[in-house]
């Protein structure tokens, strides 16, 4: 998996906007309920103009994100809602190669109280 952060200007400052997780087709274990991702730096920073996925991507909403006291330094992604959205959109989720998360959603999640999941 490859993690990249795409930046864009907001109020004349370059700020992180999109957190992407890229992987090969079939690499994401879609048969699981959730996956956990290490939240660590350094990230590969890119400008928003570079944000043109050449393959299938799906957005991870704040409601799809979880944290767990058992997995410090990581955040989790619930996979069933992503699968449903893909199927509802007429997409085979096994073809997805990018998960896109708004950085603001991730920041808000990491400020929440940690609970057991």
PDB file of N, CA and C in Angstrom:
ATOM      1  N   UNK A   1       0.841  -1.188   0.000  1.00  0.00           N
ATOM      2  CA  UNK A   1       0.000   0.000   0.000  1.00  0.00           C
ATOM      3  C   UNK A   1       0.879   1.240   0.000  1.00  0.00           C
ATOM      4  N   UNK A   2       0.397   2.250  -0.662  1.00  0.00           N
ATOM      5  CA  UNK A   2       1.118   3.520  -0.734  1.00  0.00           C
ATOM      6  C   UNK A   2       0.190   4.620  -0.250  1.00  0.00           C
ATOM      7  N   UNK A   3       0.699   5.446   0.665  1.00  0.00           N
ATOM      8  CA  UNK A   3      -0.096   6.545   1.214  1.00  0.00           C
ATOM      9  C   UNK A   3       0.470   7.861   0.682  1.00  0.00           C
ATOM     10  N   UNK A   4      -0.440   8.702   0.209  1.00  0.00           N
ATOM     11  CA  UNK A   4      -0.048  10.019  -0.289  1.00  0.00           C
ATOM     12  C   UNK A   4      -1.019  11.061   0.249  1.00  0.00           C
ATOM     13  N   UNK A   5      -0.497  12.265   0.412  1.00  0.00           N
ATOM     14  CA  UNK A   5      -1.309  13.391   0.864  1.00  0.00           C
ATOM     15  C   UNK A   5      -1.299  14.439  -0.247  1.00  0.00           C
ATOM     16  N   UNK A   6      -2.485  14.837  -0.666  1.00  0.00           N
ATOM     17  CA  UNK A   6      -2.610  15.870  -1.694  1.00  0.00           C
ATOM     18  C   UNK A   6      -2.945  17.190  -1.020  1.00  0.00           C
ATOM     19  N   UNK A   7      -2.207  18.220  -1.395  1.00  0.00           N
ATOM     20  CA  UNK A   7      -2.348  19.549  -0.804  1.00  0.00           C
ATOM     21  C   UNK A   7      -3.002  20.505  -1.788  1.00  0.00           C
ATOM     22  N   UNK A   8      -3.675  21.499  -1.234  1.00  0.00           N
ATOM     23  CA  UNK A   8      -4.242  22.563  -2.053  1.00  0.00           C
ATOM     24  C   UNK A   8      -4.213  23.838  -1.218  1.00  0.00           C
ATOM     25  N   UNK A   9      -4.413  24.968  -1.879  1.00  0.00           N
ATOM     26  CA  UNK A   9      -4.394  26.251  -1.179  1.00  0.00           C
ATOM     27  C   UNK A   9      -5.747  26.536  -0.530  1.00  0.00           C
ATOM     28  N   UNK A  10      -5.686  26.971   0.710  1.00  0.00           N
ATOM     29  CA  UNK A  10      -6.869  27.399   1.457  1.00  0.00           C
ATOM     30  C   UNK A  10      -6.450  28.643   2.218  1.00  0.00           C
ATOM     31  N   UNK A  11      -7.129  29.758   1.941  1.00  0.00           N
ATOM     32  CA  UNK A  11      -6.788  31.045   2.556  1.00  0.00           C
ATOM     33  C   UNK A  11      -5.297  31.359   2.388  1.00  0.00           C
ATOM     34  N   UNK A  12      -4.812  31.184   1.163  1.00  0.00           N
ATOM     35  CA  UNK A  12      -3.429  31.477   0.773  1.00  0.00           C
ATOM     36  C   UNK A  12      -2.381  30.614   1.459  1.00  0.00           C
ATOM     37  N   UNK A  13      -2.776  29.497   2.027  1.00  0.00           N
ATOM     38  CA  UNK A  13      -1.822  28.580   2.646  1.00  0.00           C
ATOM     39  C   UNK A  13      -1.982  27.214   2.004  1.00  0.00           C
ATOM     40  N   UNK A  14      -0.880  26.533   1.776  1.00  0.00           N
ATOM     41  CA  UNK A  14      -0.906  25.182   1.240  1.00  0.00           C
ATOM     42  C   UNK A  14      -1.212  24.222   2.387  1.00  0.00           C
ATOM     43  N   UNK A  15      -2.338  23.538   2.326  1.00  0.00           N
ATOM     44  CA  UNK A  15      -2.764  22.654   3.407  1.00  0.00           C
ATOM     45  C   UNK A  15      -3.122  21.272   2.852  1.00  0.00           C
ATOM     46  N   UNK A  16      -2.947  20.242   3.672  1.00  0.00           N
ATOM     47  CA  UNK A  16      -3.326  18.894   3.223  1.00  0.00           C
ATOM     48  C   UNK A  16      -4.841  18.786   3.064  1.00  0.00           C
ATOM     49  N   UNK A  17      -5.287  18.199   1.967  1.00  0.00           N
ATOM     50  CA  UNK A  17      -6.714  18.083   1.682  1.00  0.00           C
ATOM     51  C   UNK A  17      -7.190  16.631   1.604  1.00  0.00           C
ATOM     52  N   UNK A  18      -6.466  15.816   0.849  1.00  0.00           N
ATOM     53  CA  UNK A  18      -6.905  14.446   0.604  1.00  0.00           C
ATOM     54  C   UNK A  18      -5.806  13.461   0.991  1.00  0.00           C
ATOM     55  N   UNK A  19      -6.209  12.444   1.730  1.00  0.00           N
ATOM     56  CA  UNK A  19      -5.329  11.364   2.170  1.00  0.00           C
ATOM     57  C   UNK A  19      -5.713  10.166   1.321  1.00  0.00           C
ATOM     58  N   UNK A  20      -4.796   9.651   0.535  1.00  0.00           N
ATOM     59  CA  UNK A  20      -5.131   8.523  -0.333  1.00  0.00           C
ATOM     60  C   UNK A  20      -4.309   7.297   0.033  1.00  0.00           C
ATOM     61  N   UNK A  21      -4.972   6.175  -0.073  1.00  0.00           N
ATOM     62  CA  UNK A  21      -4.327   4.880   0.131  1.00  0.00           C
ATOM     63  C   UNK A  21      -4.462   4.148  -1.199  1.00  0.00           C
ATOM     64  N   UNK A  22      -3.332   3.847  -1.809  1.00  0.00           N
ATOM     65  CA  UNK A  22      -3.340   3.165  -3.103  1.00  0.00           C
ATOM     66  C   UNK A  22      -2.808   1.746  -2.924  1.00  0.00           C
ATOM     67  N   UNK A  23      -3.370   0.840  -3.685  1.00  0.00           N
ATOM     68  CA  UNK A  23      -2.995  -0.574  -3.580  1.00  0.00           C
ATOM     69  C   UNK A  23      -3.304  -1.247  -4.909  1.00  0.00           C
ATOM     70  N   UNK A  24      -2.834  -2.453  -5.074  1.00  0.00           N
ATOM     71  CA  UNK A  24      -3.092  -3.222  -6.292  1.00  0.00           C
ATOM     72  C   UNK A  24      -4.467  -3.865  -6.216  1.00  0.00           C
ATOM     73  N   UNK A  25      -5.052  -4.140  -7.363  1.00  0.00           N
ATOM     74  CA  UNK A  25      -6.338  -4.843  -7.396  1.00  0.00           C
ATOM     75  C   UNK A  25      -6.208  -6.144  -6.613  1.00  0.00           C
ATOM     76  N   UNK A  26      -7.189  -6.392  -5.746  1.00  0.00           N
ATOM     77  CA  UNK A  26      -7.199  -7.622  -4.959  1.00  0.00           C
ATOM     78  C   UNK A  26      -6.339  -7.575  -3.711  1.00  0.00           C
ATOM     79  N   UNK A  27      -5.551  -6.509  -3.508  1.00  0.00           N
ATOM     80  CA  UNK A  27      -4.688  -6.417  -2.327  1.00  0.00           C
ATOM     81  C   UNK A  27      -5.475  -6.102  -1.057  1.00  0.00           C
ATOM     82  N   UNK A  28      -6.554  -5.342  -1.173  1.00  0.00           N
ATOM     83  CA  UNK A  28      -7.370  -5.002  -0.009  1.00  0.00           C
ATOM     84  C   UNK A  28      -8.243  -6.200   0.344  1.00  0.00           C
ATOM     85  N   UNK A  29      -8.235  -6.620   1.605  1.00  0.00           N
ATOM     86  CA  UNK A  29      -9.012  -7.808   1.996  1.00  0.00           C
ATOM     87  C   UNK A  29     -10.505  -7.483   2.153  1.00  0.00           C
ATOM     88  N   UNK A  30     -11.206  -7.407   1.029  1.00  0.00           N
ATOM     89  CA  UNK A  30     -12.620  -7.020   1.022  1.00  0.00           C
ATOM     90  C   UNK A  30     -13.510  -7.982   1.801  1.00  0.00           C
ATOM     91  N   UNK A  31     -13.029  -9.168   2.107  1.00  0.00           N
ATOM     92  CA  UNK A  31     -13.826 -10.133   2.860  1.00  0.00           C
ATOM     93  C   UNK A  31     -13.814  -9.849   4.361  1.00  0.00           C
ATOM     94  N   UNK A  32     -13.025  -8.893   4.815  1.00  0.00           N
ATOM     95  CA  UNK A  32     -12.977  -8.512   6.227  1.00  0.00           C
ATOM     96  C   UNK A  32     -14.004  -7.431   6.527  1.00  0.00           C
ATOM     97  N   UNK A  33     -14.282  -7.253   7.804  1.00  0.00           N
ATOM     98  CA  UNK A  33     -15.182  -6.184   8.260  1.00  0.00           C
ATOM     99  C   UNK A  33     -14.478  -4.835   8.254  1.00  0.00           C
ATOM    100  N   UNK A  34     -13.171  -4.848   8.598  1.00  0.00           N
ATOM    101  CA  UNK A  34     -12.422  -3.604   8.707  1.00  0.00           C
ATOM    102  C   UNK A  34     -10.945  -3.866   8.447  1.00  0.00           C
ATOM    103  N   UNK A  35     -10.265  -2.802   8.059  1.00  0.00           N
ATOM    104  CA  UNK A  35      -8.813  -2.832   7.927  1.00  0.00           C
ATOM    105  C   UNK A  35      -8.259  -1.655   8.716  1.00  0.00           C
ATOM    106  N   UNK A  36      -7.062  -1.834   9.234  1.00  0.00           N
ATOM    107  CA  UNK A  36      -6.407  -0.759   9.976  1.00  0.00           C
ATOM    108  C   UNK A  36      -5.178  -0.298   9.212  1.00  0.00           C
ATOM    109  N   UNK A  37      -4.960   1.005   9.242  1.00  0.00           N
ATOM    110  CA  UNK A  37      -3.876   1.641   8.505  1.00  0.00           C
ATOM    111  C   UNK A  37      -3.022   2.423   9.490  1.00  0.00           C
ATOM    112  N   UNK A  38      -1.707   2.287   9.379  1.00  0.00           N
ATOM    113  CA  UNK A  38      -0.787   3.029  10.230  1.00  0.00           C
ATOM    114  C   UNK A  38      -0.823   4.498   9.828  1.00  0.00           C
ATOM    115  N   UNK A  39      -0.949   5.351  10.817  1.00  0.00           N
ATOM    116  CA  UNK A  39      -0.936   6.790  10.579  1.00  0.00           C
ATOM    117  C   UNK A  39       0.449   7.287  10.975  1.00  0.00           C
ATOM    118  N   UNK A  40       1.324   7.389   9.988  1.00  0.00           N
ATOM    119  CA  UNK A  40       2.689   7.811  10.284  1.00  0.00           C
ATOM    120  C   UNK A  40       3.248   8.641   9.146  1.00  0.00           C
ATOM    121  N   UNK A  41       4.208   9.448   9.484  1.00  0.00           N
ATOM    122  CA  UNK A  41       4.883  10.279   8.486  1.00  0.00           C
ATOM    123  C   UNK A  41       6.237   9.630   8.195  1.00  0.00           C
ATOM    124  N   UNK A  42       6.940   9.978   7.183  1.00  0.00           N
ATOM    125  CA  UNK A  42       6.596  11.013   6.218  1.00  0.00           C
ATOM    126  C   UNK A  42       5.645  10.488   5.149  1.00  0.00           C
ATOM    127  N   UNK A  43       4.881  11.407   4.603  1.00  0.00           N
ATOM    128  CA  UNK A  43       3.977  11.091   3.510  1.00  0.00           C
ATOM    129  C   UNK A  43       4.563  11.651   2.226  1.00  0.00           C
ATOM    130  N   UNK A  44       4.105  11.128   1.129  1.00  0.00           N
ATOM    131  CA  UNK A  44       4.508  11.692  -0.159  1.00  0.00           C
ATOM    132  C   UNK A  44       3.563  12.852  -0.458  1.00  0.00           C
ATOM    133  N   UNK A  45       4.014  14.099  -0.263  1.00  0.00           N
ATOM    134  CA  UNK A  45       3.116  15.235  -0.502  1.00  0.00           C
ATOM    135  C   UNK A  45       3.028  15.574  -1.992  1.00  0.00           C
ATOM    136  N   UNK A  46       1.838  15.781  -2.458  1.00  0.00           N
ATOM    137  CA  UNK A  46       1.613  16.134  -3.852  1.00  0.00           C
ATOM    138  C   UNK A  46       0.630  17.289  -3.924  1.00  0.00           C
ATOM    139  N   UNK A  47       0.710  18.059  -4.979  1.00  0.00           N
ATOM    140  CA  UNK A  47      -0.249  19.130  -5.199  1.00  0.00           C
ATOM    141  C   UNK A  47      -1.560  18.555  -5.697  1.00  0.00           C
ATOM    142  N   UNK A  48      -2.645  19.266  -5.447  1.00  0.00           N
ATOM    143  CA  UNK A  48      -3.970  18.785  -5.845  1.00  0.00           C
ATOM    144  C   UNK A  48      -4.050  18.613  -7.362  1.00  0.00           C
ATOM    145  N   UNK A  49      -3.225  19.345  -8.099  1.00  0.00           N
ATOM    146  CA  UNK A  49      -3.227  19.187  -9.553  1.00  0.00           C
ATOM    147  C   UNK A  49      -2.721  17.806  -9.973  1.00  0.00           C
ATOM    148  N   UNK A  50      -2.012  17.115  -9.076  1.00  0.00           N
ATOM    149  CA  UNK A  50      -1.544  15.756  -9.355  1.00  0.00           C
ATOM    150  C   UNK A  50      -2.609  14.712  -9.035  1.00  0.00           C
ATOM    151  N   UNK A  51      -3.720  15.158  -8.475  1.00  0.00           N
ATOM    152  CA  UNK A  51      -4.764  14.227  -8.041  1.00  0.00           C
ATOM    153  C   UNK A  51      -5.662  13.845  -9.212  1.00  0.00           C
ATOM    154  N   UNK A  52      -5.191  12.933  -9.993  1.00  0.00           N
ATOM    155  CA  UNK A  52      -5.961  12.400 -11.115  1.00  0.00           C
ATOM    156  C   UNK A  52      -5.771  10.890 -11.141  1.00  0.00           C
ATOM    157  N   UNK A  53      -6.488  10.171 -10.283  1.00  0.00           N
ATOM    158  CA  UNK A  53      -6.286   8.722 -10.281  1.00  0.00           C
ATOM    159  C   UNK A  53      -6.559   8.147 -11.671  1.00  0.00           C
ATOM    160  N   UNK A  54      -5.638   7.323 -12.126  1.00  0.00           N
ATOM    161  CA  UNK A  54      -5.800   6.691 -13.429  1.00  0.00           C
ATOM    162  C   UNK A  54      -6.491   5.341 -13.305  1.00  0.00           C
ATOM    163  N   UNK A  55      -6.962   5.052 -12.106  1.00  0.00           N
ATOM    164  CA  UNK A  55      -7.699   3.815 -11.873  1.00  0.00           C
ATOM    165  C   UNK A  55      -8.826   4.091 -10.875  1.00  0.00           C
ATOM    166  N   UNK A  56      -9.602   3.091 -10.588  1.00  0.00           N
ATOM    167  CA  UNK A  56     -10.825   3.239  -9.802  1.00  0.00           C
ATOM    168  C   UNK A  56     -10.549   3.607  -8.343  1.00  0.00           C
ATOM    169  N   UNK A  57     -11.307   4.597  -7.837  1.00  0.00           N
ATOM    170  CA  UNK A  57     -11.171   5.071  -6.459  1.00  0.00           C
ATOM    171  C   UNK A  57     -12.548   5.156  -5.824  1.00  0.00           C
ATOM    172  N   UNK A  58     -12.573   5.086  -4.478  1.00  0.00           N
ATOM    173  CA  UNK A  58     -13.814   5.269  -3.742  1.00  0.00           C
ATOM    174  C   UNK A  58     -13.521   6.148  -2.533  1.00  0.00           C
ATOM    175  N   UNK A  59     -14.475   6.997  -2.180  1.00  0.00           N
ATOM    176  CA  UNK A  59     -14.330   7.893  -1.043  1.00  0.00           C
ATOM    177  C   UNK A  59     -14.683   7.168   0.247  1.00  0.00           C
ATOM    178  N   UNK A  60     -13.854   7.365   1.249  1.00  0.00           N
ATOM    179  CA  UNK A  60     -14.104   6.857   2.597  1.00  0.00           C
ATOM    180  C   UNK A  60     -14.661   8.033   3.380  1.00  0.00           C
ATOM    181  N   UNK A  61     -15.896   7.908   3.865  1.00  0.00           N
ATOM    182  CA  UNK A  61     -16.514   8.999   4.616  1.00  0.00           C
ATOM    183  C   UNK A  61     -16.125   8.922   6.090  1.00  0.00           C
ATOM    184  N   UNK A  62     -16.417   9.980   6.811  1.00  0.00           N
ATOM    185  CA  UNK A  62     -16.102   9.993   8.242  1.00  0.00           C
ATOM    186  C   UNK A  62     -16.820   8.846   8.965  1.00  0.00           C
ATOM    187  N   UNK A  63     -18.011   8.500   8.519  1.00  0.00           N
ATOM    188  CA  UNK A  63     -18.749   7.393   9.127  1.00  0.00           C
ATOM    189  C   UNK A  63     -18.140   6.029   8.885  1.00  0.00           C
ATOM    190  N   UNK A  64     -17.217   5.942   7.931  1.00  0.00           N
ATOM    191  CA  UNK A  64     -16.532   4.680   7.625  1.00  0.00           C
ATOM    192  C   UNK A  64     -15.257   4.506   8.445  1.00  0.00           C
ATOM    193  N   UNK A  65     -14.878   5.542   9.195  1.00  0.00           N
ATOM    194  CA  UNK A  65     -13.621   5.536   9.934  1.00  0.00           C
ATOM    195  C   UNK A  65     -13.838   5.176  11.396  1.00  0.00           C
ATOM    196  N   UNK A  66     -12.900   4.417  11.956  1.00  0.00           N
ATOM    197  CA  UNK A  66     -12.961   4.029  13.368  1.00  0.00           C
ATOM    198  C   UNK A  66     -11.561   4.108  13.976  1.00  0.00           C
ATOM    199  N   UNK A  67     -11.524   4.156  15.294  1.00  0.00           N
ATOM    200  CA  UNK A  67     -10.266   4.031  16.020  1.00  0.00           C
ATOM    201  C   UNK A  67     -10.456   2.965  17.092  1.00  0.00           C
ATOM    202  N   UNK A  68      -9.350   2.404  17.537  1.00  0.00           N
ATOM    203  CA  UNK A  68      -9.404   1.335  18.529  1.00  0.00           C
ATOM    204  C   UNK A  68      -8.264   1.498  19.521  1.00  0.00           C
ATOM    205  N   UNK A  69      -8.568   1.329  20.802  1.00  0.00           N
ATOM    206  CA  UNK A  69      -7.544   1.393  21.842  1.00  0.00           C
ATOM    207  C   UNK A  69      -6.527   0.270  21.661  1.00  0.00           C
ATOM    208  N   UNK A  70      -6.939  -0.805  21.016  1.00  0.00           N
ATOM    209  CA  UNK A  70      -6.056  -1.952  20.797  1.00  0.00           C
ATOM    210  C   UNK A  70      -5.079  -1.735  19.646  1.00  0.00           C
ATOM    211  N   UNK A  71      -5.274  -0.672  18.886  1.00  0.00           N
ATOM    212  CA  UNK A  71      -4.419  -0.426  17.721  1.00  0.00           C
ATOM    213  C   UNK A  71      -3.932   1.035  17.732  1.00  0.00           C
ATOM    214  N   UNK A  72      -3.082   1.387  18.706  1.00  0.00           N
ATOM    215  CA  UNK A  72      -2.593   2.769  18.776  1.00  0.00           C
ATOM    216  C   UNK A  72      -1.778   3.122  17.532  1.00  0.00           C
ATOM    217  N   UNK A  73      -1.908   4.373  17.098  1.00  0.00           N
ATOM    218  CA  UNK A  73      -1.171   4.825  15.928  1.00  0.00           C
ATOM    219  C   UNK A  73      -1.786   4.397  14.613  1.00  0.00           C
ATOM    220  N   UNK A  74      -2.969   3.787  14.690  1.00  0.00           N
ATOM    221  CA  UNK A  74      -3.658   3.336  13.486  1.00  0.00           C
ATOM    222  C   UNK A  74      -5.095   3.840  13.493  1.00  0.00           C
ATOM    223  N   UNK A  75      -5.687   3.892  12.315  1.00  0.00           N
ATOM    224  CA  UNK A  75      -7.116   4.135  12.206  1.00  0.00           C
ATOM    225  C   UNK A  75      -7.697   3.015  11.358  1.00  0.00           C
ATOM    226  N   UNK A  76      -8.976   2.757  11.573  1.00  0.00           N
ATOM    227  CA  UNK A  76      -9.623   1.676  10.853  1.00  0.00           C
ATOM    228  C   UNK A  76     -10.614   2.193   9.828  1.00  0.00           C
ATOM    229  N   UNK A  77     -10.849   1.352   8.831  1.00  0.00           N
ATOM    230  CA  UNK A  77     -11.829   1.659   7.783  1.00  0.00           C
ATOM    231  C   UNK A  77     -12.803   0.489   7.726  1.00  0.00           C
ATOM    232  N   UNK A  78     -14.090   0.797   7.876  1.00  0.00           N
ATOM    233  CA  UNK A  78     -15.121  -0.225   7.762  1.00  0.00           C
ATOM    234  C   UNK A  78     -15.344  -0.524   6.273  1.00  0.00           C
ATOM    235  N   UNK A  79     -15.205  -1.783   5.889  1.00  0.00           N
ATOM    236  CA  UNK A  79     -15.299  -2.135   4.475  1.00  0.00           C
ATOM    237  C   UNK A  79     -16.725  -2.389   3.956  1.00  0.00           C
ATOM    238  N   UNK A  80     -17.656  -2.945   4.758  1.00  0.00           N
ATOM    239  CA  UNK A  80     -18.996  -3.188   4.211  1.00  0.00           C
ATOM    240  C   UNK A  80     -19.684  -1.963   3.602  1.00  0.00           C
ATOM    241  N   UNK A  81     -19.599  -0.751   4.236  1.00  0.00           N
ATOM    242  CA  UNK A  81     -20.239   0.410   3.594  1.00  0.00           C
ATOM    243  C   UNK A  81     -19.597   0.769   2.244  1.00  0.00           C
ATOM    244  N   UNK A  82     -18.285   0.588   2.144  1.00  0.00           N
ATOM    245  CA  UNK A  82     -17.598   0.875   0.878  1.00  0.00           C
ATOM    246  C   UNK A  82     -18.057  -0.108  -0.200  1.00  0.00           C
ATOM    247  N   UNK A  83     -18.163  -1.362   0.181  1.00  0.00           N
ATOM    248  CA  UNK A  83     -18.617  -2.380  -0.772  1.00  0.00           C
ATOM    249  C   UNK A  83     -20.030  -2.064  -1.265  1.00  0.00           C
ATOM    250  N   UNK A  84     -20.912  -1.670  -0.326  1.00  0.00           N
ATOM    251  CA  UNK A  84     -22.295  -1.333  -0.714  1.00  0.00           C
ATOM    252  C   UNK A  84     -22.333  -0.159  -1.682  1.00  0.00           C
ATOM    253  N   UNK A  85     -21.546   0.887  -1.376  1.00  0.00           N
ATOM    254  CA  UNK A  85     -21.522   2.056  -2.268  1.00  0.00           C
ATOM    255  C   UNK A  85     -20.989   1.689  -3.650  1.00  0.00           C
ATOM    256  N   UNK A  86     -19.979   0.839  -3.686  1.00  0.00           N
ATOM    257  CA  UNK A  86     -19.431   0.415  -4.979  1.00  0.00           C
ATOM    258  C   UNK A  86     -20.481  -0.350  -5.773  1.00  0.00           C
ATOM    259  N   UNK A  87     -21.116  -1.320  -5.136  1.00  0.00           N
ATOM    260  CA  UNK A  87     -22.132  -2.126  -5.816  1.00  0.00           C
ATOM    261  C   UNK A  87     -23.302  -1.258  -6.255  1.00  0.00           C
ATOM    262  N   UNK A  88     -23.742  -0.351  -5.362  1.00  0.00           N
ATOM    263  CA  UNK A  88     -24.839   0.568  -5.718  1.00  0.00           C
ATOM    264  C   UNK A  88     -24.472   1.446  -6.911  1.00  0.00           C
ATOM    265  N   UNK A  89     -23.183   1.737  -7.061  1.00  0.00           N
ATOM    266  CA  UNK A  89     -22.711   2.548  -8.175  1.00  0.00           C
ATOM    267  C   UNK A  89     -22.367   1.734  -9.415  1.00  0.00           C
ATOM    268  N   UNK A  90     -22.633   0.430  -9.346  1.00  0.00           N
ATOM    269  CA  UNK A  90     -22.375  -0.424 -10.499  1.00  0.00           C
ATOM    270  C   UNK A  90     -20.912  -0.788 -10.694  1.00  0.00           C
ATOM    271  N   UNK A  91     -20.146  -0.766  -9.591  1.00  0.00           N
ATOM    272  CA  UNK A  91     -18.710  -1.031  -9.664  1.00  0.00           C
ATOM    273  C   UNK A  91     -18.374  -2.314  -8.911  1.00  0.00           C
ATOM    274  N   UNK A  92     -17.463  -3.102  -9.465  1.00  0.00           N
ATOM    275  CA  UNK A  92     -16.951  -4.275  -8.764  1.00  0.00           C
ATOM    276  C   UNK A  92     -15.881  -3.787  -7.796  1.00  0.00           C
ATOM    277  N   UNK A  93     -16.120  -3.896  -6.502  1.00  0.00           N
ATOM    278  CA  UNK A  93     -15.189  -3.350  -5.511  1.00  0.00           C
ATOM    279  C   UNK A  93     -13.803  -3.984  -5.608  1.00  0.00           C
ATOM    280  N   UNK A  94     -13.691  -5.173  -6.157  1.00  0.00           N
ATOM    281  CA  UNK A  94     -12.370  -5.795  -6.323  1.00  0.00           C
ATOM    282  C   UNK A  94     -11.508  -5.010  -7.313  1.00  0.00           C
ATOM    283  N   UNK A  95     -12.123  -4.150  -8.129  1.00  0.00           N
ATOM    284  CA  UNK A  95     -11.378  -3.342  -9.102  1.00  0.00           C
ATOM    285  C   UNK A  95     -10.875  -2.025  -8.524  1.00  0.00           C
ATOM    286  N   UNK A  96     -11.300  -1.686  -7.312  1.00  0.00           N
ATOM    287  CA  UNK A  96     -10.898  -0.425  -6.683  1.00  0.00           C
ATOM    288  C   UNK A  96      -9.423  -0.488  -6.287  1.00  0.00           C
ATOM    289  N   UNK A  97      -8.700   0.604  -6.588  1.00  0.00           N
ATOM    290  CA  UNK A  97      -7.269   0.659  -6.271  1.00  0.00           C
ATOM    291  C   UNK A  97      -6.875   1.860  -5.414  1.00  0.00           C
ATOM    292  N   UNK A  98      -7.854   2.713  -5.066  1.00  0.00           N
ATOM    293  CA  UNK A  98      -7.553   3.894  -4.246  1.00  0.00           C
ATOM    294  C   UNK A  98      -8.696   4.149  -3.273  1.00  0.00           C
ATOM    295  N   UNK A  99      -8.351   4.424  -2.023  1.00  0.00           N
ATOM    296  CA  UNK A  99      -9.309   4.908  -1.039  1.00  0.00           C
ATOM    297  C   UNK A  99      -8.960   6.370  -0.800  1.00  0.00           C
ATOM    298  N   UNK A 100      -9.968   7.238  -0.823  1.00  0.00           N
ATOM    299  CA  UNK A 100      -9.740   8.672  -0.657  1.00  0.00           C
ATOM    300  C   UNK A 100     -10.442   9.139   0.612  1.00  0.00           C
ATOM    301  N   UNK A 101      -9.678   9.783   1.485  1.00  0.00           N
ATOM    302  CA  UNK A 101     -10.205  10.280   2.764  1.00  0.00           C
ATOM    303  C   UNK A 101      -9.915  11.777   2.847  1.00  0.00           C
ATOM    304  N   UNK A 102     -10.907  12.551   3.253  1.00  0.00           N
ATOM    305  CA  UNK A 102     -10.677  13.970   3.494  1.00  0.00           C
ATOM    306  C   UNK A 102      -9.796  14.093   4.735  1.00  0.00           C
ATOM    307  N   UNK A 103      -8.724  14.848   4.657  1.00  0.00           N
ATOM    308  CA  UNK A 103      -7.813  15.018   5.785  1.00  0.00           C
ATOM    309  C   UNK A 103      -8.555  15.561   7.009  1.00  0.00           C
ATOM    310  N   UNK A 104      -9.498  16.460   6.804  1.00  0.00           N
ATOM    311  CA  UNK A 104     -10.269  17.014   7.930  1.00  0.00           C
ATOM    312  C   UNK A 104     -11.023  15.909   8.672  1.00  0.00           C
ATOM    313  N   UNK A 105     -11.566  14.929   7.950  1.00  0.00           N
ATOM    314  CA  UNK A 105     -12.270  13.816   8.594  1.00  0.00           C
ATOM    315  C   UNK A 105     -11.303  12.981   9.427  1.00  0.00           C
ATOM    316  N   UNK A 106     -10.129  12.745   8.896  1.00  0.00           N
ATOM    317  CA  UNK A 106      -9.126  11.954   9.604  1.00  0.00           C
ATOM    318  C   UNK A 106      -8.628  12.688  10.845  1.00  0.00           C
ATOM    319  N   UNK A 107      -8.412  13.998  10.722  1.00  0.00           N
ATOM    320  CA  UNK A 107      -7.978  14.788  11.879  1.00  0.00           C
ATOM    321  C   UNK A 107      -9.035  14.763  12.976  1.00  0.00           C
ATOM    322  N   UNK A 108     -10.286  14.903  12.588  1.00  0.00           N
ATOM    323  CA  UNK A 108     -11.368  14.876  13.579  1.00  0.00           C
ATOM    324  C   UNK A 108     -11.438  13.522  14.264  1.00  0.00           C
ATOM    325  N   UNK A 109     -11.298  12.450  13.503  1.00  0.00           N
ATOM    326  CA  UNK A 109     -11.324  11.100  14.061  1.00  0.00           C
ATOM    327  C   UNK A 109     -10.212  10.916  15.091  1.00  0.00           C
ATOM    328  N   UNK A 110      -9.009  11.351  14.758  1.00  0.00           N
ATOM    329  CA  UNK A 110      -7.877  11.125  15.639  1.00  0.00           C
ATOM    330  C   UNK A 110      -7.947  11.964  16.910  1.00  0.00           C
ATOM    331  N   UNK A 111      -8.812  12.970  16.956  1.00  0.00           N
ATOM    332  CA  UNK A 111      -8.990  13.777  18.160  1.00  0.00           C
ATOM    333  C   UNK A 111     -10.065  13.199  19.078  1.00  0.00           C
ATOM    334  N   UNK A 112     -10.803  12.198  18.594  1.00  0.00           N
ATOM    335  CA  UNK A 112     -11.872  11.594  19.398  1.00  0.00           C
ATOM    336  C   UNK A 112     -11.257  10.731  20.500  1.00  0.00           C
ATOM    337  N   UNK A 113     -12.081  10.422  21.497  1.00  0.00           N
ATOM    338  CA  UNK A 113     -11.646   9.497  22.526  1.00  0.00           C
ATOM    339  C   UNK A 113     -11.528   8.114  21.916  1.00  0.00           C
ATOM    340  N   UNK A 114     -10.464   7.427  22.270  1.00  0.00           N
ATOM    341  CA  UNK A 114     -10.265   6.082  21.741  1.00  0.00           C
ATOM    342  C   UNK A 114     -11.179   5.119  22.478  1.00  0.00           C
ATOM    343  N   UNK A 115     -11.783   4.223  21.722  1.00  0.00           N
ATOM    344  CA  UNK A 115     -12.654   3.220  22.312  1.00  0.00           C
ATOM    345  C   UNK A 115     -12.320   1.876  21.691  1.00  0.00           C
ATOM    346  N   UNK A 116     -12.749   0.818  22.304  1.00  0.00           N
ATOM    347  CA  UNK A 116     -12.471  -0.526  21.789  1.00  0.00           C
ATOM    348  C   UNK A 116     -13.441  -0.869  20.676  1.00  0.00           C
ATOM    349  N   UNK A 117     -12.905  -1.355  19.580  1.00  0.00           N
ATOM    350  CA  UNK A 117     -13.729  -1.778  18.441  1.00  0.00           C
ATOM    351  C   UNK A 117     -13.428  -3.231  18.178  1.00  0.00           C
TER     352      UNK A 117
END
